[in-house]
């Protein structure tokens, strides 16, 4: 028997993945933003049983039927797939930018799920 993830969970994680992806593109040197993006990418990989974040995002969009980005563009995203202001990813404060950029290291979880980004 094959188990499928709950659609709302997939939509929520995919939405967070896209939000963190935009933040990584806006703040490529910020390691805190990158780590949170990688953690979200890993979660998406596990949910969709894919080895890379791009494959997982594509599989999630296929699983949901229609890309959330396209649904939002035409104003048809369901309320359950959007973030409330309390749960939406935000860039860290400027003090965190300086402190986080001085730390080095990578997430050990990415050995299984590679994050593929345009950065």
PDB file of N, CA and C in Angstrom:
ATOM      1  N   UNK A   1       0.846  -1.176   0.000  1.00  0.00           N
ATOM      2  CA  UNK A   1       0.000   0.000   0.000  1.00  0.00           C
ATOM      3  C   UNK A   1       0.896   1.246   0.000  1.00  0.00           C
ATOM      4  N   UNK A   2       0.614   2.171  -0.874  1.00  0.00           N
ATOM      5  CA  UNK A   2       1.380   3.406  -0.993  1.00  0.00           C
ATOM      6  C   UNK A   2       0.685   4.518  -0.217  1.00  0.00           C
ATOM      7  N   UNK A   3       1.436   5.173   0.644  1.00  0.00           N
ATOM      8  CA  UNK A   3       0.887   6.282   1.422  1.00  0.00           C
ATOM      9  C   UNK A   3       1.162   7.597   0.713  1.00  0.00           C
ATOM     10  N   UNK A   4       0.182   8.477   0.735  1.00  0.00           N
ATOM     11  CA  UNK A   4       0.330   9.800   0.136  1.00  0.00           C
ATOM     12  C   UNK A   4       0.231  10.854   1.232  1.00  0.00           C
ATOM     13  N   UNK A   5       1.014  11.920   1.130  1.00  0.00           N
ATOM     14  CA  UNK A   5       0.927  12.985   2.141  1.00  0.00           C
ATOM     15  C   UNK A   5      -0.378  13.757   2.008  1.00  0.00           C
ATOM     16  N   UNK A   6      -0.779  14.371   3.094  1.00  0.00           N
ATOM     17  CA  UNK A   6      -1.986  15.191   3.084  1.00  0.00           C
ATOM     18  C   UNK A   6      -1.763  16.398   2.174  1.00  0.00           C
ATOM     19  N   UNK A   7      -2.736  16.694   1.344  1.00  0.00           N
ATOM     20  CA  UNK A   7      -2.595  17.782   0.368  1.00  0.00           C
ATOM     21  C   UNK A   7      -2.335  19.134   1.038  1.00  0.00           C
ATOM     22  N   UNK A   8      -3.002  19.395   2.140  1.00  0.00           N
ATOM     23  CA  UNK A   8      -2.782  20.679   2.823  1.00  0.00           C
ATOM     24  C   UNK A   8      -1.355  20.798   3.331  1.00  0.00           C
ATOM     25  N   UNK A   9      -0.802  19.688   3.820  1.00  0.00           N
ATOM     26  CA  UNK A   9       0.587  19.710   4.306  1.00  0.00           C
ATOM     27  C   UNK A   9       1.545  19.969   3.151  1.00  0.00           C
ATOM     28  N   UNK A  10       1.303  19.324   2.012  1.00  0.00           N
ATOM     29  CA  UNK A  10       2.154  19.532   0.834  1.00  0.00           C
ATOM     30  C   UNK A  10       2.055  20.980   0.372  1.00  0.00           C
ATOM     31  N   UNK A  11       0.843  21.516   0.322  1.00  0.00           N
ATOM     32  CA  UNK A  11       0.656  22.908  -0.111  1.00  0.00           C
ATOM     33  C   UNK A  11       1.363  23.870   0.833  1.00  0.00           C
ATOM     34  N   UNK A  12       1.268  23.611   2.139  1.00  0.00           N
ATOM     35  CA  UNK A  12       1.904  24.480   3.133  1.00  0.00           C
ATOM     36  C   UNK A  12       3.430  24.443   3.010  1.00  0.00           C
ATOM     37  N   UNK A  13       4.009  23.238   2.878  1.00  0.00           N
ATOM     38  CA  UNK A  13       5.470  23.123   2.781  1.00  0.00           C
ATOM     39  C   UNK A  13       5.962  23.683   1.451  1.00  0.00           C
ATOM     40  N   UNK A  14       5.231  23.449   0.372  1.00  0.00           N
ATOM     41  CA  UNK A  14       5.623  23.997  -0.928  1.00  0.00           C
ATOM     42  C   UNK A  14       5.597  25.523  -0.897  1.00  0.00           C
ATOM     43  N   UNK A  15       4.588  26.081  -0.264  1.00  0.00           N
ATOM     44  CA  UNK A  15       4.498  27.540  -0.152  1.00  0.00           C
ATOM     45  C   UNK A  15       5.675  28.094   0.656  1.00  0.00           C
ATOM     46  N   UNK A  16       6.017  27.433   1.755  1.00  0.00           N
ATOM     47  CA  UNK A  16       7.177  27.864   2.553  1.00  0.00           C
ATOM     48  C   UNK A  16       8.466  27.720   1.763  1.00  0.00           C
ATOM     49  N   UNK A  17       8.596  26.626   1.010  1.00  0.00           N
ATOM     50  CA  UNK A  17       9.786  26.408   0.183  1.00  0.00           C
ATOM     51  C   UNK A  17       9.967  27.563  -0.799  1.00  0.00           C
ATOM     52  N   UNK A  18       8.889  27.941  -1.484  1.00  0.00           N
ATOM     53  CA  UNK A  18       8.974  29.040  -2.458  1.00  0.00           C
ATOM     54  C   UNK A  18       9.309  30.370  -1.771  1.00  0.00           C
ATOM     55  N   UNK A  19       8.736  30.607  -0.584  1.00  0.00           N
ATOM     56  CA  UNK A  19       9.028  31.853   0.141  1.00  0.00           C
ATOM     57  C   UNK A  19      10.496  31.900   0.562  1.00  0.00           C
ATOM     58  N   UNK A  20      11.011  30.804   1.111  1.00  0.00           N
ATOM     59  CA  UNK A  20      12.429  30.764   1.504  1.00  0.00           C
ATOM     60  C   UNK A  20      13.332  30.833   0.284  1.00  0.00           C
ATOM     61  N   UNK A  21      12.901  30.250  -0.822  1.00  0.00           N
ATOM     62  CA  UNK A  21      13.686  30.317  -2.060  1.00  0.00           C
ATOM     63  C   UNK A  21      13.871  31.775  -2.489  1.00  0.00           C
ATOM     64  N   UNK A  22      12.790  32.552  -2.413  1.00  0.00           N
ATOM     65  CA  UNK A  22      12.885  33.976  -2.761  1.00  0.00           C
ATOM     66  C   UNK A  22      13.823  34.715  -1.807  1.00  0.00           C
ATOM     67  N   UNK A  23      13.749  34.389  -0.517  1.00  0.00           N
ATOM     68  CA  UNK A  23      14.625  35.037   0.456  1.00  0.00           C
ATOM     69  C   UNK A  23      16.089  34.674   0.227  1.00  0.00           C
ATOM     70  N   UNK A  24      16.365  33.435  -0.152  1.00  0.00           N
ATOM     71  CA  UNK A  24      17.749  33.031  -0.443  1.00  0.00           C
ATOM     72  C   UNK A  24      18.266  33.801  -1.649  1.00  0.00           C
ATOM     73  N   UNK A  25      17.427  34.004  -2.634  1.00  0.00           N
ATOM     74  CA  UNK A  25      17.848  34.775  -3.803  1.00  0.00           C
ATOM     75  C   UNK A  25      18.085  36.241  -3.438  1.00  0.00           C
ATOM     76  N   UNK A  26      17.296  36.767  -2.503  1.00  0.00           N
ATOM     77  CA  UNK A  26      17.469  38.157  -2.061  1.00  0.00           C
ATOM     78  C   UNK A  26      18.661  38.334  -1.122  1.00  0.00           C
ATOM     79  N   UNK A  27      18.985  37.291  -0.340  1.00  0.00           N
ATOM     80  CA  UNK A  27      20.063  37.356   0.661  1.00  0.00           C
ATOM     81  C   UNK A  27      20.982  36.145   0.509  1.00  0.00           C
ATOM     82  N   UNK A  28      21.727  36.038  -0.590  1.00  0.00           N
ATOM     83  CA  UNK A  28      22.520  34.830  -0.842  1.00  0.00           C
ATOM     84  C   UNK A  28      23.640  34.578   0.166  1.00  0.00           C
ATOM     85  N   UNK A  29      24.138  35.588   0.837  1.00  0.00           N
ATOM     86  CA  UNK A  29      25.238  35.398   1.792  1.00  0.00           C
ATOM     87  C   UNK A  29      24.751  35.085   3.203  1.00  0.00           C
ATOM     88  N   UNK A  30      23.461  35.151   3.430  1.00  0.00           N
ATOM     89  CA  UNK A  30      22.908  34.945   4.764  1.00  0.00           C
ATOM     90  C   UNK A  30      22.771  33.450   5.045  1.00  0.00           C
ATOM     91  N   UNK A  31      23.594  32.933   5.947  1.00  0.00           N
ATOM     92  CA  UNK A  31      23.570  31.495   6.228  1.00  0.00           C
ATOM     93  C   UNK A  31      22.325  31.068   6.997  1.00  0.00           C
ATOM     94  N   UNK A  32      21.747  31.952   7.797  1.00  0.00           N
ATOM     95  CA  UNK A  32      20.524  31.609   8.516  1.00  0.00           C
ATOM     96  C   UNK A  32      19.379  31.381   7.539  1.00  0.00           C
ATOM     97  N   UNK A  33      19.230  32.275   6.588  1.00  0.00           N
ATOM     98  CA  UNK A  33      18.185  32.122   5.575  1.00  0.00           C
ATOM     99  C   UNK A  33      18.430  30.849   4.775  1.00  0.00           C
ATOM    100  N   UNK A  34      19.676  30.609   4.392  1.00  0.00           N
ATOM    101  CA  UNK A  34      20.001  29.416   3.605  1.00  0.00           C
ATOM    102  C   UNK A  34      19.691  28.139   4.388  1.00  0.00           C
ATOM    103  N   UNK A  35      20.044  28.108   5.685  1.00  0.00           N
ATOM    104  CA  UNK A  35      19.765  26.912   6.487  1.00  0.00           C
ATOM    105  C   UNK A  35      18.272  26.650   6.607  1.00  0.00           C
ATOM    106  N   UNK A  36      17.501  27.702   6.782  1.00  0.00           N
ATOM    107  CA  UNK A  36      16.047  27.505   6.884  1.00  0.00           C
ATOM    108  C   UNK A  36      15.464  27.056   5.549  1.00  0.00           C
ATOM    109  N   UNK A  37      15.999  27.603   4.466  1.00  0.00           N
ATOM    110  CA  UNK A  37      15.583  27.150   3.135  1.00  0.00           C
ATOM    111  C   UNK A  37      15.920  25.672   2.960  1.00  0.00           C
ATOM    112  N   UNK A  38      17.124  25.273   3.352  1.00  0.00           N
ATOM    113  CA  UNK A  38      17.545  23.880   3.213  1.00  0.00           C
ATOM    114  C   UNK A  38      16.702  22.950   4.074  1.00  0.00           C
ATOM    115  N   UNK A  39      16.327  23.396   5.274  1.00  0.00           N
ATOM    116  CA  UNK A  39      15.473  22.583   6.136  1.00  0.00           C
ATOM    117  C   UNK A  39      14.095  22.395   5.509  1.00  0.00           C
ATOM    118  N   UNK A  40      13.555  23.463   4.935  1.00  0.00           N
ATOM    119  CA  UNK A  40      12.258  23.365   4.262  1.00  0.00           C
ATOM    120  C   UNK A  40      12.365  22.489   3.021  1.00  0.00           C
ATOM    121  N   UNK A  41      13.472  22.615   2.286  1.00  0.00           N
ATOM    122  CA  UNK A  41      13.695  21.779   1.103  1.00  0.00           C
ATOM    123  C   UNK A  41      13.770  20.312   1.499  1.00  0.00           C
ATOM    124  N   UNK A  42      14.444  20.019   2.600  1.00  0.00           N
ATOM    125  CA  UNK A  42      14.550  18.640   3.077  1.00  0.00           C
ATOM    126  C   UNK A  42      13.164  18.089   3.423  1.00  0.00           C
ATOM    127  N   UNK A  43      12.356  18.887   4.120  1.00  0.00           N
ATOM    128  CA  UNK A  43      11.004  18.463   4.471  1.00  0.00           C
ATOM    129  C   UNK A  43      10.195  18.157   3.217  1.00  0.00           C
ATOM    130  N   UNK A  44      10.316  19.006   2.209  1.00  0.00           N
ATOM    131  CA  UNK A  44       9.603  18.781   0.954  1.00  0.00           C
ATOM    132  C   UNK A  44      10.098  17.507   0.271  1.00  0.00           C
ATOM    133  N   UNK A  45      11.407  17.274   0.305  1.00  0.00           N
ATOM    134  CA  UNK A  45      11.969  16.049  -0.279  1.00  0.00           C
ATOM    135  C   UNK A  45      11.411  14.807   0.407  1.00  0.00           C
ATOM    136  N   UNK A  46      11.327  14.839   1.726  1.00  0.00           N
ATOM    137  CA  UNK A  46      10.809  13.695   2.473  1.00  0.00           C
ATOM    138  C   UNK A  46       9.330  13.490   2.168  1.00  0.00           C
ATOM    139  N   UNK A  47       8.560  14.573   2.166  1.00  0.00           N
ATOM    140  CA  UNK A  47       7.129  14.463   1.870  1.00  0.00           C
ATOM    141  C   UNK A  47       6.865  13.866   0.493  1.00  0.00           C
ATOM    142  N   UNK A  48       7.659  14.298  -0.488  1.00  0.00           N
ATOM    143  CA  UNK A  48       7.410  13.883  -1.870  1.00  0.00           C
ATOM    144  C   UNK A  48       8.290  12.705  -2.303  1.00  0.00           C
ATOM    145  N   UNK A  49       9.144  12.196  -1.417  1.00  0.00           N
ATOM    146  CA  UNK A  49      10.024  11.053  -1.702  1.00  0.00           C
ATOM    147  C   UNK A  49      10.895  11.311  -2.930  1.00  0.00           C
ATOM    148  N   UNK A  50      11.500  12.489  -2.956  1.00  0.00           N
ATOM    149  CA  UNK A  50      12.393  12.868  -4.056  1.00  0.00           C
ATOM    150  C   UNK A  50      13.774  13.166  -3.496  1.00  0.00           C
ATOM    151  N   UNK A  51      14.805  13.074  -4.355  1.00  0.00           N
ATOM    152  CA  UNK A  51      16.182  13.263  -3.896  1.00  0.00           C
ATOM    153  C   UNK A  51      16.683  14.702  -4.010  1.00  0.00           C
ATOM    154  N   UNK A  52      16.069  15.529  -4.833  1.00  0.00           N
ATOM    155  CA  UNK A  52      16.484  16.927  -4.929  1.00  0.00           C
ATOM    156  C   UNK A  52      15.288  17.830  -4.668  1.00  0.00           C
ATOM    157  N   UNK A  53      15.585  19.051  -4.252  1.00  0.00           N
ATOM    158  CA  UNK A  53      14.498  19.973  -3.930  1.00  0.00           C
ATOM    159  C   UNK A  53      13.709  20.378  -5.169  1.00  0.00           C
ATOM    160  N   UNK A  54      14.382  20.511  -6.294  1.00  0.00           N
ATOM    161  CA  UNK A  54      13.648  20.859  -7.528  1.00  0.00           C
ATOM    162  C   UNK A  54      12.692  19.741  -7.926  1.00  0.00           C
ATOM    163  N   UNK A  55      13.162  18.498  -7.844  1.00  0.00           N
ATOM    164  CA  UNK A  55      12.285  17.364  -8.147  1.00  0.00           C
ATOM    165  C   UNK A  55      11.114  17.321  -7.171  1.00  0.00           C
ATOM    166  N   UNK A  56      11.389  17.590  -5.897  1.00  0.00           N
ATOM    167  CA  UNK A  56      10.340  17.574  -4.884  1.00  0.00           C
ATOM    168  C   UNK A  56       9.315  18.678  -5.133  1.00  0.00           C
ATOM    169  N   UNK A  57       9.783  19.879  -5.486  1.00  0.00           N
ATOM    170  CA  UNK A  57       8.860  20.984  -5.768  1.00  0.00           C
ATOM    171  C   UNK A  57       8.003  20.666  -6.990  1.00  0.00           C
ATOM    172  N   UNK A  58       8.630  20.106  -8.022  1.00  0.00           N
ATOM    173  CA  UNK A  58       7.879  19.735  -9.223  1.00  0.00           C
ATOM    174  C   UNK A  58       6.859  18.643  -8.891  1.00  0.00           C
ATOM    175  N   UNK A  59       7.276  17.649  -8.118  1.00  0.00           N
ATOM    176  CA  UNK A  59       6.358  16.572  -7.735  1.00  0.00           C
ATOM    177  C   UNK A  59       5.208  17.107  -6.888  1.00  0.00           C
ATOM    178  N   UNK A  60       5.500  18.054  -5.996  1.00  0.00           N
ATOM    179  CA  UNK A  60       4.450  18.638  -5.160  1.00  0.00           C
ATOM    180  C   UNK A  60       3.446  19.411  -6.007  1.00  0.00           C
ATOM    181  N   UNK A  61       3.945  20.194  -6.958  1.00  0.00           N
ATOM    182  CA  UNK A  61       3.037  20.933  -7.838  1.00  0.00           C
ATOM    183  C   UNK A  61       2.197  19.970  -8.669  1.00  0.00           C
ATOM    184  N   UNK A  62       2.808  18.904  -9.132  1.00  0.00           N
ATOM    185  CA  UNK A  62       2.068  17.898  -9.907  1.00  0.00           C
ATOM    186  C   UNK A  62       1.027  17.220  -9.012  1.00  0.00           C
ATOM    187  N   UNK A  63       1.404  16.875  -7.785  1.00  0.00           N
ATOM    188  CA  UNK A  63       0.502  16.224  -6.841  1.00  0.00           C
ATOM    189  C   UNK A  63      -0.688  17.117  -6.509  1.00  0.00           C
ATOM    190  N   UNK A  64      -0.440  18.409  -6.384  1.00  0.00           N
ATOM    191  CA  UNK A  64      -1.523  19.338  -6.065  1.00  0.00           C
ATOM    192  C   UNK A  64      -2.391  19.660  -7.276  1.00  0.00           C
ATOM    193  N   UNK A  65      -1.916  19.333  -8.462  1.00  0.00           N
ATOM    194  CA  UNK A  65      -2.716  19.529  -9.668  1.00  0.00           C
ATOM    195  C   UNK A  65      -2.399  20.799 -10.413  1.00  0.00           C
ATOM    196  N   UNK A  66      -2.326  21.888  -9.719  1.00  0.00           N
ATOM    197  CA  UNK A  66      -2.057  23.182 -10.344  1.00  0.00           C
ATOM    198  C   UNK A  66      -1.031  23.897  -9.486  1.00  0.00           C
ATOM    199  N   UNK A  67      -0.108  24.546 -10.099  1.00  0.00           N
ATOM    200  CA  UNK A  67       0.917  25.292  -9.373  1.00  0.00           C
ATOM    201  C   UNK A  67       0.275  26.351  -8.484  1.00  0.00           C
ATOM    202  N   UNK A  68       0.681  26.397  -7.213  1.00  0.00           N
ATOM    203  CA  UNK A  68       0.159  27.429  -6.312  1.00  0.00           C
ATOM    204  C   UNK A  68       0.509  28.819  -6.809  1.00  0.00           C
ATOM    205  N   UNK A  69       1.674  28.934  -7.425  1.00  0.00           N
ATOM    206  CA  UNK A  69       2.093  30.240  -7.950  1.00  0.00           C
ATOM    207  C   UNK A  69       1.093  30.715  -9.001  1.00  0.00           C
ATOM    208  N   UNK A  70       0.681  29.810  -9.894  1.00  0.00           N
ATOM    209  CA  UNK A  70      -0.295  30.194 -10.919  1.00  0.00           C
ATOM    210  C   UNK A  70      -1.639  30.509 -10.292  1.00  0.00           C
ATOM    211  N   UNK A  71      -2.042  29.734  -9.282  1.00  0.00           N
ATOM    212  CA  UNK A  71      -3.323  29.983  -8.635  1.00  0.00           C
ATOM    213  C   UNK A  71      -3.317  31.332  -7.928  1.00  0.00           C
ATOM    214  N   UNK A  72      -2.198  31.680  -7.310  1.00  0.00           N
ATOM    215  CA  UNK A  72      -2.104  32.980  -6.646  1.00  0.00           C
ATOM    216  C   UNK A  72      -2.112  34.109  -7.663  1.00  0.00           C
ATOM    217  N   UNK A  73      -1.467  33.875  -8.803  1.00  0.00           N
ATOM    218  CA  UNK A  73      -1.392  34.918  -9.831  1.00  0.00           C
ATOM    219  C   UNK A  73      -2.777  35.312 -10.314  1.00  0.00           C
ATOM    220  N   UNK A  74      -3.693  34.354 -10.326  1.00  0.00           N
ATOM    221  CA  UNK A  74      -5.045  34.679 -10.777  1.00  0.00           C
ATOM    222  C   UNK A  74      -6.010  34.847  -9.605  1.00  0.00           C
ATOM    223  N   UNK A  75      -5.455  34.861  -8.364  1.00  0.00           N
ATOM    224  CA  UNK A  75      -6.274  35.119  -7.187  1.00  0.00           C
ATOM    225  C   UNK A  75      -7.137  33.969  -6.740  1.00  0.00           C
ATOM    226  N   UNK A  76      -6.712  32.729  -7.009  1.00  0.00           N
ATOM    227  CA  UNK A  76      -7.533  31.581  -6.647  1.00  0.00           C
ATOM    228  C   UNK A  76      -6.876  30.669  -5.621  1.00  0.00           C
ATOM    229  N   UNK A  77      -5.862  31.108  -4.895  1.00  0.00           N
ATOM    230  CA  UNK A  77      -5.226  30.260  -3.887  1.00  0.00           C
ATOM    231  C   UNK A  77      -6.181  30.071  -2.720  1.00  0.00           C
ATOM    232  N   UNK A  78      -6.336  28.843  -2.242  1.00  0.00           N
ATOM    233  CA  UNK A  78      -7.210  28.620  -1.090  1.00  0.00           C
ATOM    234  C   UNK A  78      -6.610  29.235   0.166  1.00  0.00           C
ATOM    235  N   UNK A  79      -7.459  29.599   1.092  1.00  0.00           N
ATOM    236  CA  UNK A  79      -6.986  30.234   2.321  1.00  0.00           C
ATOM    237  C   UNK A  79      -6.056  29.315   3.101  1.00  0.00           C
ATOM    238  N   UNK A  80      -6.271  27.997   3.032  1.00  0.00           N
ATOM    239  CA  UNK A  80      -5.430  27.063   3.785  1.00  0.00           C
ATOM    240  C   UNK A  80      -4.019  26.985   3.234  1.00  0.00           C
ATOM    241  N   UNK A  81      -3.789  27.426   1.998  1.00  0.00           N
ATOM    242  CA  UNK A  81      -2.461  27.326   1.391  1.00  0.00           C
ATOM    243  C   UNK A  81      -1.645  28.598   1.549  1.00  0.00           C
ATOM    244  N   UNK A  82      -2.210  29.593   2.197  1.00  0.00           N
ATOM    245  CA  UNK A  82      -1.464  30.842   2.362  1.00  0.00           C
ATOM    246  C   UNK A  82      -0.972  30.954   3.790  1.00  0.00           C
ATOM    247  N   UNK A  83       0.030  31.748   4.015  1.00  0.00           N
ATOM    248  CA  UNK A  83       0.588  31.947   5.346  1.00  0.00           C
ATOM    249  C   UNK A  83      -0.161  33.040   6.070  1.00  0.00           C
ATOM    250  N   UNK A  84      -0.351  32.814   7.348  1.00  0.00           N
ATOM    251  CA  UNK A  84      -0.772  33.928   8.180  1.00  0.00           C
ATOM    252  C   UNK A  84       0.481  34.735   8.475  1.00  0.00           C
ATOM    253  N   UNK A  85       0.359  35.990   8.830  1.00  0.00           N
ATOM    254  CA  UNK A  85       1.555  36.791   9.103  1.00  0.00           C
ATOM    255  C   UNK A  85       2.443  36.171  10.178  1.00  0.00           C
ATOM    256  N   UNK A  86       1.869  35.405  11.099  1.00  0.00           N
ATOM    257  CA  UNK A  86       2.667  34.813  12.174  1.00  0.00           C
ATOM    258  C   UNK A  86       3.548  33.674  11.688  1.00  0.00           C
ATOM    259  N   UNK A  87       3.141  32.959  10.636  1.00  0.00           N
ATOM    260  CA  UNK A  87       3.906  31.794  10.187  1.00  0.00           C
ATOM    261  C   UNK A  87       4.675  32.036   8.905  1.00  0.00           C
ATOM    262  N   UNK A  88       4.543  33.195   8.305  1.00  0.00           N
ATOM    263  CA  UNK A  88       5.264  33.471   7.059  1.00  0.00           C
ATOM    264  C   UNK A  88       6.751  33.647   7.342  1.00  0.00           C
ATOM    265  N   UNK A  89       7.610  33.064   6.509  1.00  0.00           N
ATOM    266  CA  UNK A  89       9.044  33.256   6.710  1.00  0.00           C
ATOM    267  C   UNK A  89       9.425  34.720   6.553  1.00  0.00           C
ATOM    268  N   UNK A  90      10.280  35.193   7.460  1.00  0.00           N
ATOM    269  CA  UNK A  90      10.755  36.565   7.401  1.00  0.00           C
ATOM    270  C   UNK A  90      12.268  36.561   7.405  1.00  0.00           C
ATOM    271  N   UNK A  91      12.881  37.533   6.738  1.00  0.00           N
ATOM    272  CA  UNK A  91      14.336  37.619   6.832  1.00  0.00           C
ATOM    273  C   UNK A  91      14.724  37.987   8.257  1.00  0.00           C
ATOM    274  N   UNK A  92      15.873  37.499   8.721  1.00  0.00           N
ATOM    275  CA  UNK A  92      16.294  37.819  10.077  1.00  0.00           C
ATOM    276  C   UNK A  92      16.629  39.293  10.235  1.00  0.00           C
ATOM    277  N   UNK A  93      16.686  39.732  11.488  1.00  0.00           N
ATOM    278  CA  UNK A  93      17.043  41.121  11.780  1.00  0.00           C
ATOM    279  C   UNK A  93      18.460  41.393  11.306  1.00  0.00           C
ATOM    280  N   UNK A  94      18.781  42.663  11.132  1.00  0.00           N
ATOM    281  CA  UNK A  94      20.095  43.014  10.596  1.00  0.00           C
ATOM    282  C   UNK A  94      21.228  42.518  11.487  1.00  0.00           C
ATOM    283  N   UNK A  95      21.039  42.459  12.807  1.00  0.00           N
ATOM    284  CA  UNK A  95      22.088  41.935  13.684  1.00  0.00           C
ATOM    285  C   UNK A  95      22.295  40.452  13.432  1.00  0.00           C
ATOM    286  N   UNK A  96      21.222  39.735  13.133  1.00  0.00           N
ATOM    287  CA  UNK A  96      21.353  38.312  12.825  1.00  0.00           C
ATOM    288  C   UNK A  96      22.064  38.110  11.499  1.00  0.00           C
ATOM    289  N   UNK A  97      21.908  39.069  10.574  1.00  0.00           N
ATOM    290  CA  UNK A  97      22.598  38.954   9.291  1.00  0.00           C
ATOM    291  C   UNK A  97      24.103  38.960   9.492  1.00  0.00           C
ATOM    292  N   UNK A  98      24.592  39.858  10.315  1.00  0.00           N
ATOM    293  CA  UNK A  98      26.027  39.952  10.548  1.00  0.00           C
ATOM    294  C   UNK A  98      26.531  38.729  11.295  1.00  0.00           C
ATOM    295  N   UNK A  99      25.821  38.327  12.342  1.00  0.00           N
ATOM    296  CA  UNK A  99      26.249  37.194  13.147  1.00  0.00           C
ATOM    297  C   UNK A  99      26.178  35.900  12.355  1.00  0.00           C
ATOM    298  N   UNK A 100      25.100  35.679  11.623  1.00  0.00           N
ATOM    299  CA  UNK A 100      24.924  34.439  10.874  1.00  0.00           C
ATOM    300  C   UNK A 100      25.917  34.325   9.738  1.00  0.00           C
ATOM    301  N   UNK A 101      26.281  35.440   9.127  1.00  0.00           N
ATOM    302  CA  UNK A 101      27.192  35.364   7.996  1.00  0.00           C
ATOM    303  C   UNK A 101      28.605  35.004   8.424  1.00  0.00           C
ATOM    304  N   UNK A 102      28.918  35.134   9.715  1.00  0.00           N
ATOM    305  CA  UNK A 102      30.260  34.792  10.175  1.00  0.00           C
ATOM    306  C   UNK A 102      30.396  33.309  10.493  1.00  0.00           C
ATOM    307  N   UNK A 103      29.275  32.586  10.599  1.00  0.00           N
ATOM    308  CA  UNK A 103      29.335  31.163  10.904  1.00  0.00           C
ATOM    309  C   UNK A 103      29.460  30.346   9.635  1.00  0.00           C
ATOM    310  N   UNK A 104      30.148  29.240   9.745  1.00  0.00           N
ATOM    311  CA  UNK A 104      30.293  28.331   8.612  1.00  0.00           C
ATOM    312  C   UNK A 104      29.718  26.980   8.995  1.00  0.00           C
ATOM    313  N   UNK A 105      29.365  26.197   7.994  1.00  0.00           N
ATOM    314  CA  UNK A 105      28.855  24.855   8.235  1.00  0.00           C
ATOM    315  C   UNK A 105      27.749  24.537   7.274  1.00  0.00           C
ATOM    316  N   UNK A 106      27.454  23.283   7.161  1.00  0.00           N
ATOM    317  CA  UNK A 106      26.362  22.883   6.288  1.00  0.00           C
ATOM    318  C   UNK A 106      25.481  21.902   7.025  1.00  0.00           C
ATOM    319  N   UNK A 107      24.290  21.770   6.552  1.00  0.00           N
ATOM    320  CA  UNK A 107      23.326  20.890   7.173  1.00  0.00           C
ATOM    321  C   UNK A 107      23.629  19.442   6.807  1.00  0.00           C
ATOM    322  N   UNK A 108      23.756  18.535   7.788  1.00  0.00           N
ATOM    323  CA  UNK A 108      24.031  17.143   7.466  1.00  0.00           C
ATOM    324  C   UNK A 108      22.856  16.466   6.786  1.00  0.00           C
ATOM    325  N   UNK A 109      21.656  17.037   6.898  1.00  0.00           N
ATOM    326  CA  UNK A 109      20.489  16.416   6.298  1.00  0.00           C
ATOM    327  C   UNK A 109      20.517  16.479   4.782  1.00  0.00           C
ATOM    328  N   UNK A 110      21.324  17.356   4.215  1.00  0.00           N
ATOM    329  CA  UNK A 110      21.335  17.508   2.770  1.00  0.00           C
ATOM    330  C   UNK A 110      22.134  16.428   2.060  1.00  0.00           C
ATOM    331  N   UNK A 111      22.743  15.509   2.805  1.00  0.00           N
ATOM    332  CA  UNK A 111      23.435  14.416   2.139  1.00  0.00           C
ATOM    333  C   UNK A 111      22.423  13.529   1.422  1.00  0.00           C
ATOM    334  N   UNK A 112      21.201  13.470   1.938  1.00  0.00           N
ATOM    335  CA  UNK A 112      20.182  12.674   1.278  1.00  0.00           C
ATOM    336  C   UNK A 112      19.398  13.498   0.268  1.00  0.00           C
ATOM    337  N   UNK A 113      19.083  14.718   0.588  1.00  0.00           N
ATOM    338  CA  UNK A 113      18.285  15.575  -0.287  1.00  0.00           C
ATOM    339  C   UNK A 113      19.115  16.778  -0.676  1.00  0.00           C
ATOM    340  N   UNK A 114      19.532  16.825  -1.904  1.00  0.00           N
ATOM    341  CA  UNK A 114      20.350  17.943  -2.373  1.00  0.00           C
ATOM    342  C   UNK A 114      19.460  19.132  -2.710  1.00  0.00           C
ATOM    343  N   UNK A 115      19.839  20.286  -2.230  1.00  0.00           N
ATOM    344  CA  UNK A 115      19.129  21.510  -2.562  1.00  0.00           C
ATOM    345  C   UNK A 115      19.730  22.067  -3.839  1.00  0.00           C
ATOM    346  N   UNK A 116      18.895  22.203  -4.845  1.00  0.00           N
ATOM    347  CA  UNK A 116      19.348  22.740  -6.120  1.00  0.00           C
ATOM    348  C   UNK A 116      18.742  24.119  -6.250  1.00  0.00           C
ATOM    349  N   UNK A 117      19.591  25.131  -6.286  1.00  0.00           N
ATOM    350  CA  UNK A 117      19.071  26.489  -6.406  1.00  0.00           C
ATOM    351  C   UNK A 117      19.857  27.247  -7.453  1.00  0.00           C
ATOM    352  N   UNK A 118      19.309  28.372  -7.848  1.00  0.00           N
ATOM    353  CA  UNK A 118      19.923  29.191  -8.894  1.00  0.00           C
ATOM    354  C   UNK A 118      20.918  30.182  -8.313  1.00  0.00           C
ATOM    355  N   UNK A 119      21.247  30.043  -7.041  1.00  0.00           N
ATOM    356  CA  UNK A 119      22.150  30.990  -6.380  1.00  0.00           C
ATOM    357  C   UNK A 119      23.581  30.644  -6.699  1.00  0.00           C
TER     358      UNK A 119
END
